[in-house]
Amino acid sequence: MGVDAVCADLSLCRRGQGVLATGTIRVALRLRCERCQGELPWQAELPVRTALAASEAAAATVDPAAEPVLAAGGVVDVQDWLEEEVLLSLPLLPRCEQWSSGRCPVSGVTVEPVEFKHEYLSGESRDGRSTE
C-alpha cells in the first residue's frame, strides 16, 4: 500500500574479483492485511551479505557464503538490487496478528470467524470413504 521509510546502511569492500556488501536495510511499509483488508504497518531490519560481481564464479571469490548479485557490464543498479531484497523479505500473506474477539487490532474491522473444514483432516476422503 505504501512505503514510509527505507534506509540502507552498507559497507562495500573490494575482495577477490568483486565487491562484498555487508550491512542492513531498514524498511517501514504499509501492507494490506489479507484477513481484514485493512492497512497493516510492517517494519523489518534485513541483514545484507552480498557479493557483487560479473559472474557467479567471480562472486565465489568474494565470499562463497554471500548471496551473489551479478553486475552486468560491471554495473549494479543499486535501486533494483535493494528493492529486490525488500520484496523477497515481504510476508507471503500479510495478516494482522491473531485475535480472539473477531476485531482486528490494527484496522478495527470486525471479521466473522470462518470455519475451515478440510476433507482429509475431518476423516473423509474425496470419495466420501472414511480415512480413519
C-alpha atoms as a PDB file:
ATOM      1  CA  MET A   1       0.000   0.000   0.000  1.00  0.00           C
ATOM      2  CA  GLY A   2       2.861   2.372   0.664  1.00  0.00           C
ATOM      3  CA  VAL A   3       6.431   3.000   1.710  1.00  0.00           C
ATOM      4  CA  ASP A   4       7.088   5.071   4.812  1.00  0.00           C
ATOM      5  CA  ALA A   5      10.883   4.720   5.003  1.00  0.00           C
ATOM      6  CA  VAL A   6      13.809   2.790   3.570  1.00  0.00           C
ATOM      7  CA  CYS A   7      17.301   3.173   4.982  1.00  0.00           C
ATOM      8  CA  ALA A   8      20.308   1.187   3.780  1.00  0.00           C
ATOM      9  CA  ASP A   9      23.494   1.140   5.853  1.00  0.00           C
ATOM     10  CA  LEU A  10      26.045  -0.741   3.751  1.00  0.00           C
ATOM     11  CA  SER A  11      29.793  -1.216   3.760  1.00  0.00           C
ATOM     12  CA  LEU A  12      31.490  -2.055   0.464  1.00  0.00           C
ATOM     13  CA  CYS A  13      34.831  -3.834   0.402  1.00  0.00           C
ATOM     14  CA  ARG A  14      36.760  -4.974  -2.678  1.00  0.00           C
ATOM     15  CA  ARG A  15      37.595  -8.665  -2.414  1.00  0.00           C
ATOM     16  CA  GLY A  16      38.732 -11.185  -4.980  1.00  0.00           C
ATOM     17  CA  GLN A  17      37.055 -10.416  -8.301  1.00  0.00           C
ATOM     18  CA  GLY A  18      34.201  -8.321  -6.919  1.00  0.00           C
ATOM     19  CA  VAL A  19      32.836  -6.330  -4.015  1.00  0.00           C
ATOM     20  CA  LEU A  20      31.432  -7.590  -0.716  1.00  0.00           C
ATOM     21  CA  ALA A  21      28.455  -5.557   0.509  1.00  0.00           C
ATOM     22  CA  THR A  22      27.513  -6.006   4.179  1.00  0.00           C
ATOM     23  CA  GLY A  23      25.123  -4.144   6.406  1.00  0.00           C
ATOM     24  CA  THR A  24      21.394  -3.721   6.912  1.00  0.00           C
ATOM     25  CA  ILE A  25      18.334  -2.404   5.143  1.00  0.00           C
ATOM     26  CA  ARG A  26      15.656  -0.969   7.431  1.00  0.00           C
ATOM     27  CA  VAL A  27      12.198  -0.578   5.973  1.00  0.00           C
ATOM     28  CA  ALA A  28       8.821   0.638   7.183  1.00  0.00           C
ATOM     29  CA  LEU A  29       5.904  -0.192   4.898  1.00  0.00           C
ATOM     30  CA  ARG A  30       2.132  -0.222   4.930  1.00  0.00           C
ATOM     31  CA  LEU A  31       0.744  -3.506   3.589  1.00  0.00           C
ATOM     32  CA  ARG A  32      -2.827  -4.719   3.143  1.00  0.00           C
ATOM     33  CA  CYS A  33      -3.929  -7.348   5.638  1.00  0.00           C
ATOM     34  CA  GLU A  34      -5.179 -10.424   3.772  1.00  0.00           C
ATOM     35  CA  ARG A  35      -7.610 -11.173   6.591  1.00  0.00           C
ATOM     36  CA  CYS A  36      -9.414  -7.848   7.140  1.00  0.00           C
ATOM     37  CA  GLN A  37      -8.199  -5.820   4.100  1.00  0.00           C
ATOM     38  CA  GLY A  38      -7.101  -3.057   6.487  1.00  0.00           C
ATOM     39  CA  GLU A  39      -3.788  -1.230   6.473  1.00  0.00           C
ATOM     40  CA  LEU A  40      -1.056  -3.190   8.237  1.00  0.00           C
ATOM     41  CA  PRO A  41       2.149  -1.440   9.340  1.00  0.00           C
ATOM     42  CA  TRP A  42       5.197  -3.642   8.698  1.00  0.00           C
ATOM     43  CA  GLN A  43       8.803  -2.988   9.680  1.00  0.00           C
ATOM     44  CA  ALA A  44      11.928  -5.049   9.143  1.00  0.00           C
ATOM     45  CA  GLU A  45      15.662  -4.875   9.515  1.00  0.00           C
ATOM     46  CA  LEU A  46      17.189  -7.030   6.800  1.00  0.00           C
ATOM     47  CA  PRO A  47      20.776  -8.231   7.029  1.00  0.00           C
ATOM     48  CA  VAL A  48      22.806  -7.911   3.829  1.00  0.00           C
ATOM     49  CA  ARG A  49      25.820 -10.032   2.898  1.00  0.00           C
ATOM     50  CA  THR A  50      26.096  -9.875  -0.872  1.00  0.00           C
ATOM     51  CA  ALA A  51      28.882 -10.498  -3.365  1.00  0.00           C
ATOM     52  CA  LEU A  52      28.656  -8.061  -6.276  1.00  0.00           C
ATOM     53  CA  ALA A  53      30.499  -9.495  -9.273  1.00  0.00           C
ATOM     54  CA  ALA A  54      30.359 -10.018 -13.034  1.00  0.00           C
ATOM     55  CA  SER A  55      29.761 -13.786 -12.744  1.00  0.00           C
ATOM     56  CA  GLU A  56      28.856 -16.414 -10.155  1.00  0.00           C
ATOM     57  CA  ALA A  57      32.411 -17.755 -10.298  1.00  0.00           C
ATOM     58  CA  ALA A  58      33.757 -14.273  -9.549  1.00  0.00           C
ATOM     59  CA  ALA A  59      31.218 -13.864  -6.736  1.00  0.00           C
ATOM     60  CA  ALA A  60      32.503 -17.082  -5.143  1.00  0.00           C
ATOM     61  CA  THR A  61      35.981 -15.491  -4.893  1.00  0.00           C
ATOM     62  CA  VAL A  62      34.478 -12.589  -2.932  1.00  0.00           C
ATOM     63  CA  ASP A  63      32.736 -14.723  -0.300  1.00  0.00           C
ATOM     64  CA  PRO A  64      31.389 -18.214  -1.028  1.00  0.00           C
ATOM     65  CA  ALA A  65      28.698 -17.790   1.674  1.00  0.00           C
ATOM     66  CA  ALA A  66      27.441 -14.437   0.368  1.00  0.00           C
ATOM     67  CA  GLU A  67      24.425 -14.124  -1.898  1.00  0.00           C
ATOM     68  CA  PRO A  68      25.658 -13.329  -5.418  1.00  0.00           C
ATOM     69  CA  VAL A  69      24.325 -10.327  -7.332  1.00  0.00           C
ATOM     70  CA  LEU A  70      25.569 -10.220 -10.904  1.00  0.00           C
ATOM     71  CA  ALA A  71      26.777  -6.901 -12.242  1.00  0.00           C
ATOM     72  CA  ALA A  72      26.008  -6.826 -15.968  1.00  0.00           C
ATOM     73  CA  GLY A  73      28.859  -4.969 -17.638  1.00  0.00           C
ATOM     74  CA  GLY A  74      30.401  -4.265 -14.240  1.00  0.00           C
ATOM     75  CA  VAL A  75      27.465  -2.096 -13.106  1.00  0.00           C
ATOM     76  CA  VAL A  76      24.878  -2.847 -10.410  1.00  0.00           C
ATOM     77  CA  ASP A  77      21.609  -0.934 -10.345  1.00  0.00           C
ATOM     78  CA  VAL A  78      21.515  -0.259  -6.598  1.00  0.00           C
ATOM     79  CA  GLN A  79      17.820   0.640  -6.526  1.00  0.00           C
ATOM     80  CA  ASP A  80      16.816  -2.593  -8.300  1.00  0.00           C
ATOM     81  CA  TRP A  81      19.085  -4.660  -6.053  1.00  0.00           C
ATOM     82  CA  LEU A  82      17.795  -3.170  -2.782  1.00  0.00           C
ATOM     83  CA  GLU A  83      14.196  -3.266  -3.997  1.00  0.00           C
ATOM     84  CA  GLU A  84      14.558  -6.987  -4.709  1.00  0.00           C
ATOM     85  CA  GLU A  85      15.992  -7.587  -1.221  1.00  0.00           C
ATOM     86  CA  VAL A  86      12.954  -5.892   0.321  1.00  0.00           C
ATOM     87  CA  LEU A  87      10.439  -7.655  -1.948  1.00  0.00           C
ATOM     88  CA  LEU A  88      11.913 -11.060  -1.127  1.00  0.00           C
ATOM     89  CA  SER A  89      11.511 -10.363   2.595  1.00  0.00           C
ATOM     90  CA  LEU A  90       7.811  -9.459   2.447  1.00  0.00           C
ATOM     91  CA  PRO A  91       5.401 -11.887   4.060  1.00  0.00           C
ATOM     92  CA  LEU A  92       3.622 -14.085   1.539  1.00  0.00           C
ATOM     93  CA  LEU A  93       0.232 -13.411   3.141  1.00  0.00           C
ATOM     94  CA  PRO A  94       0.436 -10.327   5.371  1.00  0.00           C
ATOM     95  CA  ARG A  95      -2.057 -10.627   8.212  1.00  0.00           C
ATOM     96  CA  CYS A  96      -2.787  -8.831  11.442  1.00  0.00           C
ATOM     97  CA  GLU A  97      -1.873 -10.826  14.498  1.00  0.00           C
ATOM     98  CA  GLN A  98      -4.403 -13.417  15.620  1.00  0.00           C
ATOM     99  CA  TRP A  99      -7.312 -12.028  17.570  1.00  0.00           C
ATOM    100  CA  SER A 100      -9.969 -13.886  19.516  1.00  0.00           C
ATOM    101  CA  SER A 101     -12.664 -11.197  19.587  1.00  0.00           C
ATOM    102  CA  GLY A 102     -13.066 -11.070  15.790  1.00  0.00           C
ATOM    103  CA  ARG A 103     -11.978  -7.421  15.791  1.00  0.00           C
ATOM    104  CA  CYS A 104      -8.684  -6.612  14.047  1.00  0.00           C
ATOM    105  CA  PRO A 105      -6.334  -4.830  16.491  1.00  0.00           C
ATOM    106  CA  VAL A 106      -4.837  -2.713  13.693  1.00  0.00           C
ATOM    107  CA  SER A 107      -7.725  -1.634  11.469  1.00  0.00           C
ATOM    108  CA  GLY A 108     -10.625  -2.049  13.890  1.00  0.00           C
ATOM    109  CA  VAL A 109     -12.561  -4.076  11.283  1.00  0.00           C
ATOM    110  CA  THR A 110     -14.762  -6.852  12.670  1.00  0.00           C
ATOM    111  CA  VAL A 111     -14.444 -10.139  10.805  1.00  0.00           C
ATOM    112  CA  GLU A 112     -16.761 -13.071  11.383  1.00  0.00           C
ATOM    113  CA  PRO A 113     -14.879 -16.297  12.118  1.00  0.00           C
ATOM    114  CA  VAL A 114     -14.739 -18.739   9.226  1.00  0.00           C
ATOM    115  CA  GLU A 115     -14.944 -22.437   9.944  1.00  0.00           C
ATOM    116  CA  PHE A 116     -12.493 -24.254   7.727  1.00  0.00           C
ATOM    117  CA  LYS A 117     -13.076 -27.942   7.212  1.00  0.00           C
ATOM    118  CA  HIS A 118     -10.521 -29.863   5.227  1.00  0.00           C
ATOM    119  CA  GLU A 119     -11.814 -33.202   3.997  1.00  0.00           C
ATOM    120  CA  TYR A 120      -8.579 -35.038   4.813  1.00  0.00           C
ATOM    121  CA  LEU A 121      -8.448 -33.621   8.323  1.00  0.00           C
ATOM    122  CA  SER A 122     -12.117 -34.326   9.013  1.00  0.00           C
ATOM    123  CA  GLY A 123     -11.781 -38.070   8.481  1.00  0.00           C
ATOM    124  CA  GLU A 124     -13.285 -38.342   4.981  1.00  0.00           C
ATOM    125  CA  SER A 125     -11.584 -38.818   1.664  1.00  0.00           C
ATOM    126  CA  ARG A 126     -12.662 -37.116  -1.538  1.00  0.00           C
ATOM    127  CA  ASP A 127     -14.957 -40.010  -2.431  1.00  0.00           C
ATOM    128  CA  GLY A 128     -16.690 -39.989   0.975  1.00  0.00           C
ATOM    129  CA  ARG A 129     -14.904 -43.005   2.448  1.00  0.00           C
ATOM    130  CA  SER A 130     -13.590 -42.770   5.968  1.00  0.00           C
ATOM    131  CA  THR A 131      -9.826 -42.227   6.267  1.00  0.00           C
ATOM    132  CA  GLU A 132      -9.689 -43.324   9.895  1.00  0.00           C
END
